[in-house]
Amino acid sequence: MAKKGIEVSVRRIPLEVAITGVEPMEIATLVTMVEDRMQRISDNTGSVDTLKLAIMAAMEFAAEVYLKGSDDGAKRQEEQHRIDEIILKLQSTLSHTLPTK
């Protein structure tokens, strides 16, 4: 069977990882991020259960992505509101300054 990803190890657990659009060097960086997060959680909770640490790390990463998406959504709404206000002001100004025939 042909390999589809690269071999990595997270907390001494060997994994074959393939992530679309992510290069092997970037995957190595992600592995380091995951291991660091798992270690921080272990230090804070005293847990040594690798599965629990992995799930807690995944939840933290997911929360970060979710919150970033929420922030982006709020920013888009705010920008759209400002654009709508500008359009209304322009329409108002144009209707007051255009000569009537």
PDB file of N, CA and C in Angstrom:
ATOM      1  N   MET A   1       0.847  -1.176   0.000  1.00  0.00           N
ATOM      2  CA  MET A   1       0.000   0.000   0.000  1.00  0.00           C
ATOM      3  C   MET A   1       0.895   1.243   0.000  1.00  0.00           C
ATOM      4  N   ALA A   2       0.602   2.180  -0.865  1.00  0.00           N
ATOM      5  CA  ALA A   2       1.420   3.392  -0.994  1.00  0.00           C
ATOM      6  C   ALA A   2       1.103   4.375   0.132  1.00  0.00           C
ATOM      7  N   LYS A   3       2.157   5.047   0.577  1.00  0.00           N
ATOM      8  CA  LYS A   3       1.975   6.060   1.614  1.00  0.00           C
ATOM      9  C   LYS A   3       1.294   7.280   1.013  1.00  0.00           C
ATOM     10  N   LYS A   4       0.435   7.902   1.800  1.00  0.00           N
ATOM     11  CA  LYS A   4      -0.271   9.096   1.347  1.00  0.00           C
ATOM     12  C   LYS A   4       0.173  10.339   2.087  1.00  0.00           C
ATOM     13  N   GLY A   5       0.972  10.163   3.133  1.00  0.00           N
ATOM     14  CA  GLY A   5       1.391  11.306   3.934  1.00  0.00           C
ATOM     15  C   GLY A   5       2.817  11.145   4.395  1.00  0.00           C
ATOM     16  N   ILE A   6       3.169  11.923   5.393  1.00  0.00           N
ATOM     17  CA  ILE A   6       4.509  11.818   5.965  1.00  0.00           C
ATOM     18  C   ILE A   6       4.406  11.199   7.348  1.00  0.00           C
ATOM     19  N   GLU A   7       5.470  10.541   7.746  1.00  0.00           N
ATOM     20  CA  GLU A   7       5.526   9.910   9.063  1.00  0.00           C
ATOM     21  C   GLU A   7       5.929  10.953  10.093  1.00  0.00           C
ATOM     22  N   VAL A   8       5.119  11.086  11.137  1.00  0.00           N
ATOM     23  CA  VAL A   8       5.427  11.982  12.246  1.00  0.00           C
ATOM     24  C   VAL A   8       5.187  11.219  13.542  1.00  0.00           C
ATOM     25  N   SER A   9       5.601  11.825  14.627  1.00  0.00           N
ATOM     26  CA  SER A   9       5.372  11.227  15.930  1.00  0.00           C
ATOM     27  C   SER A   9       4.898  12.324  16.878  1.00  0.00           C
ATOM     28  N   VAL A  10       3.756  12.072  17.516  1.00  0.00           N
ATOM     29  CA  VAL A  10       3.227  12.997  18.507  1.00  0.00           C
ATOM     30  C   VAL A  10       3.191  12.245  19.830  1.00  0.00           C
ATOM     31  N   ARG A  11       3.977  12.730  20.776  1.00  0.00           N
ATOM     32  CA  ARG A  11       4.097  12.065  22.069  1.00  0.00           C
ATOM     33  C   ARG A  11       4.449  10.589  21.899  1.00  0.00           C
ATOM     34  N   ARG A  12       5.402  10.347  21.036  1.00  0.00           N
ATOM     35  CA  ARG A  12       5.919   9.004  20.740  1.00  0.00           C
ATOM     36  C   ARG A  12       4.888   8.100  20.081  1.00  0.00           C
ATOM     37  N   ILE A  13       3.804   8.673  19.570  1.00  0.00           N
ATOM     38  CA  ILE A  13       2.812   7.890  18.840  1.00  0.00           C
ATOM     39  C   ILE A  13       3.046   8.153  17.354  1.00  0.00           C
ATOM     40  N   PRO A  14       3.433   7.122  16.596  1.00  0.00           N
ATOM     41  CA  PRO A  14       3.698   7.328  15.176  1.00  0.00           C
ATOM     42  C   PRO A  14       2.393   7.523  14.403  1.00  0.00           C
ATOM     43  N   LEU A  15       2.426   8.486  13.507  1.00  0.00           N
ATOM     44  CA  LEU A  15       1.262   8.795  12.677  1.00  0.00           C
ATOM     45  C   LEU A  15       1.715   9.049  11.248  1.00  0.00           C
ATOM     46  N   GLU A  16       0.864   8.729  10.308  1.00  0.00           N
ATOM     47  CA  GLU A  16       1.076   9.127   8.921  1.00  0.00           C
ATOM     48  C   GLU A  16       0.088  10.253   8.650  1.00  0.00           C
ATOM     49  N   VAL A  17       0.620  11.432   8.326  1.00  0.00           N
ATOM     50  CA  VAL A  17      -0.212  12.625   8.203  1.00  0.00           C
ATOM     51  C   VAL A  17      -0.159  13.184   6.787  1.00  0.00           C
ATOM     52  N   ALA A  18      -1.329  13.435   6.244  1.00  0.00           N
ATOM     53  CA  ALA A  18      -1.455  14.116   4.954  1.00  0.00           C
ATOM     54  C   ALA A  18      -2.556  15.154   5.107  1.00  0.00           C
ATOM     55  N   ILE A  19      -2.209  16.396   4.888  1.00  0.00           N
ATOM     56  CA  ILE A  19      -3.193  17.475   4.988  1.00  0.00           C
ATOM     57  C   ILE A  19      -3.151  18.239   3.677  1.00  0.00           C
ATOM     58  N   THR A  20      -4.257  18.288   2.975  1.00  0.00           N
ATOM     59  CA  THR A  20      -4.320  18.949   1.687  1.00  0.00           C
ATOM     60  C   THR A  20      -3.874  20.401   1.797  1.00  0.00           C
ATOM     61  N   GLY A  21      -2.935  20.785   0.944  1.00  0.00           N
ATOM     62  CA  GLY A  21      -2.461  22.162   0.907  1.00  0.00           C
ATOM     63  C   GLY A  21      -1.401  22.490   1.943  1.00  0.00           C
ATOM     64  N   VAL A  22      -0.982  21.505   2.743  1.00  0.00           N
ATOM     65  CA  VAL A  22       0.021  21.741   3.780  1.00  0.00           C
ATOM     66  C   VAL A  22       1.257  20.907   3.444  1.00  0.00           C
ATOM     67  N   GLU A  23       2.374  21.586   3.335  1.00  0.00           N
ATOM     68  CA  GLU A  23       3.631  20.934   2.988  1.00  0.00           C
ATOM     69  C   GLU A  23       4.209  20.185   4.192  1.00  0.00           C
ATOM     70  N   PRO A  24       5.084  19.183   3.932  1.00  0.00           N
ATOM     71  CA  PRO A  24       5.688  18.416   5.028  1.00  0.00           C
ATOM     72  C   PRO A  24       6.371  19.284   6.085  1.00  0.00           C
ATOM     73  N   MET A  25       7.070  20.326   5.670  1.00  0.00           N
ATOM     74  CA  MET A  25       7.737  21.200   6.638  1.00  0.00           C
ATOM     75  C   MET A  25       6.704  21.895   7.526  1.00  0.00           C
ATOM     76  N   GLU A  26       5.582  22.274   6.943  1.00  0.00           N
ATOM     77  CA  GLU A  26       4.510  22.912   7.710  1.00  0.00           C
ATOM     78  C   GLU A  26       3.865  21.907   8.669  1.00  0.00           C
ATOM     79  N   ILE A  27       3.739  20.655   8.225  1.00  0.00           N
ATOM     80  CA  ILE A  27       3.181  19.620   9.094  1.00  0.00           C
ATOM     81  C   ILE A  27       4.077  19.438  10.313  1.00  0.00           C
ATOM     82  N   ALA A  28       5.381  19.483  10.109  1.00  0.00           N
ATOM     83  CA  ALA A  28       6.317  19.371  11.238  1.00  0.00           C
ATOM     84  C   ALA A  28       6.085  20.508  12.232  1.00  0.00           C
ATOM     85  N   THR A  29       5.826  21.709  11.736  1.00  0.00           N
ATOM     86  CA  THR A  29       5.527  22.847  12.604  1.00  0.00           C
ATOM     87  C   THR A  29       4.233  22.598  13.374  1.00  0.00           C
ATOM     88  N   LEU A  30       3.232  22.047  12.694  1.00  0.00           N
ATOM     89  CA  LEU A  30       1.956  21.752  13.352  1.00  0.00           C
ATOM     90  C   LEU A  30       2.133  20.696  14.444  1.00  0.00           C
ATOM     91  N   VAL A  31       2.961  19.692  14.168  1.00  0.00           N
ATOM     92  CA  VAL A  31       3.233  18.664  15.174  1.00  0.00           C
ATOM     93  C   VAL A  31       3.828  19.306  16.427  1.00  0.00           C
ATOM     94  N   THR A  32       4.768  20.211  16.235  1.00  0.00           N
ATOM     95  CA  THR A  32       5.379  20.905  17.369  1.00  0.00           C
ATOM     96  C   THR A  32       4.335  21.708  18.135  1.00  0.00           C
ATOM     97  N   MET A  33       3.450  22.384  17.417  1.00  0.00           N
ATOM     98  CA  MET A  33       2.391  23.157  18.075  1.00  0.00           C
ATOM     99  C   MET A  33       1.490  22.248  18.910  1.00  0.00           C
ATOM    100  N   VAL A  34       1.122  21.098  18.346  1.00  0.00           N
ATOM    101  CA  VAL A  34       0.247  20.161  19.052  1.00  0.00           C
ATOM    102  C   VAL A  34       0.956  19.619  20.298  1.00  0.00           C
ATOM    103  N   GLU A  35       2.213  19.208  20.134  1.00  0.00           N
ATOM    104  CA  GLU A  35       2.952  18.690  21.289  1.00  0.00           C
ATOM    105  C   GLU A  35       3.102  19.757  22.381  1.00  0.00           C
ATOM    106  N   ASP A  36       3.405  20.988  21.977  1.00  0.00           N
ATOM    107  CA  ASP A  36       3.534  22.071  22.961  1.00  0.00           C
ATOM    108  C   ASP A  36       2.215  22.306  23.693  1.00  0.00           C
ATOM    109  N   ARG A  37       1.121  22.295  22.957  1.00  0.00           N
ATOM    110  CA  ARG A  37      -0.193  22.520  23.569  1.00  0.00           C
ATOM    111  C   ARG A  37      -0.534  21.391  24.530  1.00  0.00           C
ATOM    112  N   MET A  38      -0.265  20.160  24.093  1.00  0.00           N
ATOM    113  CA  MET A  38      -0.536  19.016  24.959  1.00  0.00           C
ATOM    114  C   MET A  38       0.309  19.083  26.235  1.00  0.00           C
ATOM    115  N   GLN A  39       1.553  19.508  26.118  1.00  0.00           N
ATOM    116  CA  GLN A  39       2.420  19.616  27.285  1.00  0.00           C
ATOM    117  C   GLN A  39       1.913  20.693  28.237  1.00  0.00           C
ATOM    118  N   ARG A  40       1.493  21.826  27.684  1.00  0.00           N
ATOM    119  CA  ARG A  40       0.967  22.910  28.519  1.00  0.00           C
ATOM    120  C   ARG A  40      -0.271  22.444  29.274  1.00  0.00           C
ATOM    121  N   ILE A  41      -1.162  21.738  28.571  1.00  0.00           N
ATOM    122  CA  ILE A  41      -2.381  21.236  29.214  1.00  0.00           C
ATOM    123  C   ILE A  41      -2.012  20.220  30.301  1.00  0.00           C
ATOM    124  N   SER A  42      -1.056  19.363  30.006  1.00  0.00           N
ATOM    125  CA  SER A  42      -0.607  18.382  30.990  1.00  0.00           C
ATOM    126  C   SER A  42      -0.043  19.074  32.224  1.00  0.00           C
ATOM    127  N   ASP A  43       0.768  20.101  32.000  1.00  0.00           N
ATOM    128  CA  ASP A  43       1.344  20.856  33.122  1.00  0.00           C
ATOM    129  C   ASP A  43       0.251  21.516  33.960  1.00  0.00           C
ATOM    130  N   ASN A  44      -0.784  22.028  33.292  1.00  0.00           N
ATOM    131  CA  ASN A  44      -1.853  22.739  33.998  1.00  0.00           C
ATOM    132  C   ASN A  44      -2.836  21.810  34.710  1.00  0.00           C
ATOM    133  N   THR A  45      -3.051  20.620  34.135  1.00  0.00           N
ATOM    134  CA  THR A  45      -4.072  19.729  34.687  1.00  0.00           C
ATOM    135  C   THR A  45      -3.497  18.545  35.457  1.00  0.00           C
ATOM    136  N   GLY A  46      -2.234  18.244  35.206  1.00  0.00           N
ATOM    137  CA  GLY A  46      -1.641  17.070  35.829  1.00  0.00           C
ATOM    138  C   GLY A  46      -1.980  15.780  35.098  1.00  0.00           C
ATOM    139  N   SER A  47      -2.766  15.874  34.027  1.00  0.00           N
ATOM    140  CA  SER A  47      -3.153  14.689  33.269  1.00  0.00           C
ATOM    141  C   SER A  47      -1.969  14.152  32.465  1.00  0.00           C
ATOM    142  N   VAL A  48      -1.895  12.816  32.381  1.00  0.00           N
ATOM    143  CA  VAL A  48      -0.865  12.187  31.557  1.00  0.00           C
ATOM    144  C   VAL A  48      -1.498  11.327  30.463  1.00  0.00           C
ATOM    145  N   ASP A  49      -2.820  11.261  30.442  1.00  0.00           N
ATOM    146  CA  ASP A  49      -3.546  10.469  29.452  1.00  0.00           C
ATOM    147  C   ASP A  49      -3.428  11.146  28.092  1.00  0.00           C
ATOM    148  N   THR A  50      -2.676  10.519  27.197  1.00  0.00           N
ATOM    149  CA  THR A  50      -2.396  11.114  25.882  1.00  0.00           C
ATOM    150  C   THR A  50      -3.668  11.385  25.096  1.00  0.00           C
ATOM    151  N   LEU A  51      -4.627  10.474  25.147  1.00  0.00           N
ATOM    152  CA  LEU A  51      -5.876  10.675  24.416  1.00  0.00           C
ATOM    153  C   LEU A  51      -6.623  11.897  24.937  1.00  0.00           C
ATOM    154  N   LYS A  52      -6.734  12.001  26.250  1.00  0.00           N
ATOM    155  CA  LYS A  52      -7.414  13.166  26.831  1.00  0.00           C
ATOM    156  C   LYS A  52      -6.680  14.459  26.481  1.00  0.00           C
ATOM    157  N   LEU A  53      -5.363  14.433  26.566  1.00  0.00           N
ATOM    158  CA  LEU A  53      -4.582  15.636  26.224  1.00  0.00           C
ATOM    159  C   LEU A  53      -4.781  16.016  24.768  1.00  0.00           C
ATOM    160  N   ALA A  54      -4.800  15.010  23.897  1.00  0.00           N
ATOM    161  CA  ALA A  54      -4.992  15.282  22.468  1.00  0.00           C
ATOM    162  C   ALA A  54      -6.367  15.892  22.206  1.00  0.00           C
ATOM    163  N   ILE A  55      -7.385  15.359  22.880  1.00  0.00           N
ATOM    164  CA  ILE A  55      -8.747  15.890  22.682  1.00  0.00           C
ATOM    165  C   ILE A  55      -8.851  17.301  23.242  1.00  0.00           C
ATOM    166  N   MET A  56      -8.265  17.541  24.402  1.00  0.00           N
ATOM    167  CA  MET A  56      -8.305  18.893  24.978  1.00  0.00           C
ATOM    168  C   MET A  56      -7.549  19.877  24.089  1.00  0.00           C
ATOM    169  N   ALA A  57      -6.416  19.453  23.539  1.00  0.00           N
ATOM    170  CA  ALA A  57      -5.661  20.320  22.628  1.00  0.00           C
ATOM    171  C   ALA A  57      -6.488  20.595  21.375  1.00  0.00           C
ATOM    172  N   ALA A  58      -7.134  19.565  20.846  1.00  0.00           N
ATOM    173  CA  ALA A  58      -7.977  19.743  19.663  1.00  0.00           C
ATOM    174  C   ALA A  58      -9.116  20.727  19.949  1.00  0.00           C
ATOM    175  N   MET A  59      -9.711  20.611  21.137  1.00  0.00           N
ATOM    176  CA  MET A  59     -10.792  21.525  21.510  1.00  0.00           C
ATOM    177  C   MET A  59     -10.294  22.965  21.604  1.00  0.00           C
ATOM    178  N   GLU A  60      -9.098  23.148  22.174  1.00  0.00           N
ATOM    179  CA  GLU A  60      -8.550  24.504  22.265  1.00  0.00           C
ATOM    180  C   GLU A  60      -8.274  25.086  20.891  1.00  0.00           C
ATOM    181  N   PHE A  61      -7.665  24.270  20.014  1.00  0.00           N
ATOM    182  CA  PHE A  61      -7.399  24.749  18.651  1.00  0.00           C
ATOM    183  C   PHE A  61      -8.711  25.054  17.923  1.00  0.00           C
ATOM    184  N   ALA A  62      -9.709  24.191  18.081  1.00  0.00           N
ATOM    185  CA  ALA A  62     -11.006  24.412  17.437  1.00  0.00           C
ATOM    186  C   ALA A  62     -11.654  25.694  17.952  1.00  0.00           C
ATOM    187  N   ALA A  63     -11.552  25.934  19.255  1.00  0.00           N
ATOM    188  CA  ALA A  63     -12.118  27.150  19.843  1.00  0.00           C
ATOM    189  C   ALA A  63     -11.437  28.390  19.271  1.00  0.00           C
ATOM    190  N   GLU A  64     -10.114  28.328  19.103  1.00  0.00           N
ATOM    191  CA  GLU A  64      -9.394  29.463  18.524  1.00  0.00           C
ATOM    192  C   GLU A  64      -9.871  29.751  17.109  1.00  0.00           C
ATOM    193  N   VAL A  65     -10.040  28.690  16.308  1.00  0.00           N
ATOM    194  CA  VAL A  65     -10.520  28.864  14.935  1.00  0.00           C
ATOM    195  C   VAL A  65     -11.939  29.421  14.942  1.00  0.00           C
ATOM    196  N   TYR A  66     -12.789  28.882  15.803  1.00  0.00           N
ATOM    197  CA  TYR A  66     -14.181  29.335  15.896  1.00  0.00           C
ATOM    198  C   TYR A  66     -14.254  30.808  16.288  1.00  0.00           C
ATOM    199  N   LEU A  67     -13.502  31.180  17.319  1.00  0.00           N
ATOM    200  CA  LEU A  67     -13.527  32.567  17.777  1.00  0.00           C
ATOM    201  C   LEU A  67     -12.972  33.518  16.723  1.00  0.00           C
ATOM    202  N   LYS A  68     -11.947  33.095  16.010  1.00  0.00           N
ATOM    203  CA  LYS A  68     -11.403  33.927  14.943  1.00  0.00           C
ATOM    204  C   LYS A  68     -12.457  34.123  13.862  1.00  0.00           C
ATOM    205  N   GLY A  69     -13.161  33.046  13.520  1.00  0.00           N
ATOM    206  CA  GLY A  69     -14.234  33.148  12.532  1.00  0.00           C
ATOM    207  C   GLY A  69     -15.347  34.061  13.007  1.00  0.00           C
ATOM    208  N   SER A  70     -15.671  33.993  14.298  1.00  0.00           N
ATOM    209  CA  SER A  70     -16.712  34.867  14.857  1.00  0.00           C
ATOM    210  C   SER A  70     -16.271  36.321  14.796  1.00  0.00           C
ATOM    211  N   ASP A  71     -15.010  36.575  15.124  1.00  0.00           N
ATOM    212  CA  ASP A  71     -14.480  37.940  15.045  1.00  0.00           C
ATOM    213  C   ASP A  71     -14.535  38.456  13.622  1.00  0.00           C
ATOM    214  N   ASP A  72     -14.151  37.610  12.665  1.00  0.00           N
ATOM    215  CA  ASP A  72     -14.181  38.011  11.261  1.00  0.00           C
ATOM    216  C   ASP A  72     -15.614  38.303  10.820  1.00  0.00           C
ATOM    217  N   GLY A  73     -16.556  37.483  11.281  1.00  0.00           N
ATOM    218  CA  GLY A  73     -17.955  37.695  10.930  1.00  0.00           C
ATOM    219  C   GLY A  73     -18.474  39.003  11.495  1.00  0.00           C
ATOM    220  N   ALA A  74     -18.096  39.308  12.723  1.00  0.00           N
ATOM    221  CA  ALA A  74     -18.527  40.562  13.351  1.00  0.00           C
ATOM    222  C   ALA A  74     -17.916  41.753  12.622  1.00  0.00           C
ATOM    223  N   LYS A  75     -16.660  41.639  12.240  1.00  0.00           N
ATOM    224  CA  LYS A  75     -16.002  42.720  11.500  1.00  0.00           C
ATOM    225  C   LYS A  75     -16.683  42.939  10.162  1.00  0.00           C
ATOM    226  N   ARG A  76     -17.037  41.838   9.476  1.00  0.00           N
ATOM    227  CA  ARG A  76     -17.718  41.966   8.181  1.00  0.00           C
ATOM    228  C   ARG A  76     -19.070  42.654   8.357  1.00  0.00           C
ATOM    229  N   GLN A  77     -19.797  42.293   9.424  1.00  0.00           N
ATOM    230  CA  GLN A  77     -21.094  42.928   9.670  1.00  0.00           C
ATOM    231  C   GLN A  77     -20.920  44.416   9.934  1.00  0.00           C
ATOM    232  N   GLU A  78     -19.922  44.761  10.735  1.00  0.00           N
ATOM    233  CA  GLU A  78     -19.656  46.164  11.045  1.00  0.00           C
ATOM    234  C   GLU A  78     -19.287  46.932   9.775  1.00  0.00           C
ATOM    235  N   GLU A  79     -18.440  46.339   8.950  1.00  0.00           N
ATOM    236  CA  GLU A  79     -18.049  46.988   7.695  1.00  0.00           C
ATOM    237  C   GLU A  79     -19.251  47.162   6.783  1.00  0.00           C
ATOM    238  N   GLN A  80     -20.110  46.139   6.703  1.00  0.00           N
ATOM    239  CA  GLN A  80     -21.299  46.229   5.862  1.00  0.00           C
ATOM    240  C   GLN A  80     -22.228  47.323   6.372  1.00  0.00           C
ATOM    241  N   HIS A  81     -22.349  47.449   7.677  1.00  0.00           N
ATOM    242  CA  HIS A  81     -23.182  48.491   8.263  1.00  0.00           C
ATOM    243  C   HIS A  81     -22.644  49.879   7.895  1.00  0.00           C
ATOM    244  N   ARG A  82     -21.325  50.050   7.986  1.00  0.00           N
ATOM    245  CA  ARG A  82     -20.713  51.336   7.619  1.00  0.00           C
ATOM    246  C   ARG A  82     -20.920  51.640   6.141  1.00  0.00           C
ATOM    247  N   ILE A  83     -20.779  50.614   5.309  1.00  0.00           N
ATOM    248  CA  ILE A  83     -20.994  50.808   3.870  1.00  0.00           C
ATOM    249  C   ILE A  83     -22.435  51.212   3.604  1.00  0.00           C
ATOM    250  N   ASP A  84     -23.377  50.550   4.268  1.00  0.00           N
ATOM    251  CA  ASP A  84     -24.792  50.904   4.103  1.00  0.00           C
ATOM    252  C   ASP A  84     -25.052  52.355   4.510  1.00  0.00           C
ATOM    253  N   GLU A  85     -24.429  52.791   5.627  1.00  0.00           N
ATOM    254  CA  GLU A  85     -24.590  54.179   6.072  1.00  0.00           C
ATOM    255  C   GLU A  85     -24.029  55.153   5.046  1.00  0.00           C
ATOM    256  N   ILE A  86     -22.886  54.845   4.492  1.00  0.00           N
ATOM    257  CA  ILE A  86     -22.268  55.717   3.481  1.00  0.00           C
ATOM    258  C   ILE A  86     -23.152  55.789   2.250  1.00  0.00           C
ATOM    259  N   ILE A  87     -23.692  54.660   1.825  1.00  0.00           N
ATOM    260  CA  ILE A  87     -24.581  54.650   0.663  1.00  0.00           C
ATOM    261  C   ILE A  87     -25.799  55.519   0.917  1.00  0.00           C
ATOM    262  N   LEU A  88     -26.397  55.386   2.116  1.00  0.00           N
ATOM    263  CA  LEU A  88     -27.567  56.207   2.439  1.00  0.00           C
ATOM    264  C   LEU A  88     -27.227  57.696   2.431  1.00  0.00           C
ATOM    265  N   LYS A  89     -26.058  58.060   2.991  1.00  0.00           N
ATOM    266  CA  LYS A  89     -25.640  59.462   2.991  1.00  0.00           C
ATOM    267  C   LYS A  89     -25.414  59.969   1.573  1.00  0.00           C
ATOM    268  N   LEU A  90     -24.786  59.151   0.752  1.00  0.00           N
ATOM    269  CA  LEU A  90     -24.556  59.548  -0.638  1.00  0.00           C
ATOM    270  C   LEU A  90     -25.880  59.721  -1.385  1.00  0.00           C
ATOM    271  N   GLN A  91     -26.799  58.793  -1.184  1.00  0.00           N
ATOM    272  CA  GLN A  91     -28.098  58.891  -1.832  1.00  0.00           C
ATOM    273  C   GLN A  91     -28.837  60.143  -1.380  1.00  0.00           C
ATOM    274  N   SER A  92     -28.772  60.416  -0.085  1.00  0.00           N
ATOM    275  CA  SER A  92     -29.420  61.597   0.458  1.00  0.00           C
ATOM    276  C   SER A  92     -28.808  62.869  -0.120  1.00  0.00           C
ATOM    277  N   THR A  93     -27.475  62.910  -0.155  1.00  0.00           N
ATOM    278  CA  THR A  93     -26.777  64.073  -0.682  1.00  0.00           C
ATOM    279  C   THR A  93     -27.109  64.255  -2.156  1.00  0.00           C
ATOM    280  N   LEU A  94     -27.090  63.187  -2.895  1.00  0.00           N
ATOM    281  CA  LEU A  94     -27.381  63.279  -4.325  1.00  0.00           C
ATOM    282  C   LEU A  94     -28.810  63.736  -4.591  1.00  0.00           C
ATOM    283  N   SER A  95     -29.744  63.243  -3.798  1.00  0.00           N
ATOM    284  CA  SER A  95     -31.136  63.631  -4.019  1.00  0.00           C
ATOM    285  C   SER A  95     -31.363  65.106  -3.677  1.00  0.00           C
ATOM    286  N   HIS A  96     -30.573  65.679  -2.779  1.00  0.00           N
ATOM    287  CA  HIS A  96     -30.720  67.084  -2.402  1.00  0.00           C
ATOM    288  C   HIS A  96     -29.982  68.019  -3.357  1.00  0.00           C
ATOM    289  N   THR A  97     -28.973  67.521  -4.025  1.00  0.00           N
ATOM    290  CA  THR A  97     -28.156  68.406  -4.862  1.00  0.00           C
ATOM    291  C   THR A  97     -28.472  68.285  -6.335  1.00  0.00           C
ATOM    292  N   LEU A  98     -29.193  67.261  -6.749  1.00  0.00           N
ATOM    293  CA  LEU A  98     -29.504  67.120  -8.167  1.00  0.00           C
ATOM    294  C   LEU A  98     -30.635  68.081  -8.535  1.00  0.00           C
ATOM    295  N   PRO A  99     -30.442  68.812  -9.626  1.00  0.00           N
ATOM    296  CA  PRO A  99     -31.531  69.703 -10.040  1.00  0.00           C
ATOM    297  C   PRO A  99     -32.724  68.893 -10.518  1.00  0.00           C
ATOM    298  N   THR A 100     -33.900  69.399 -10.218  1.00  0.00           N
ATOM    299  CA  THR A 100     -35.110  68.720 -10.660  1.00  0.00           C
ATOM    300  C   THR A 100     -35.513  69.289 -11.993  1.00  0.00           C
ATOM    301  N   LYS A 101     -36.041  68.459 -12.838  1.00  0.00           N
ATOM    302  CA  LYS A 101     -36.425  68.906 -14.192  1.00  0.00           C
ATOM    303  C   LYS A 101     -37.879  69.224 -14.259  1.00  0.00           C
TER     304      LYS A 101
END
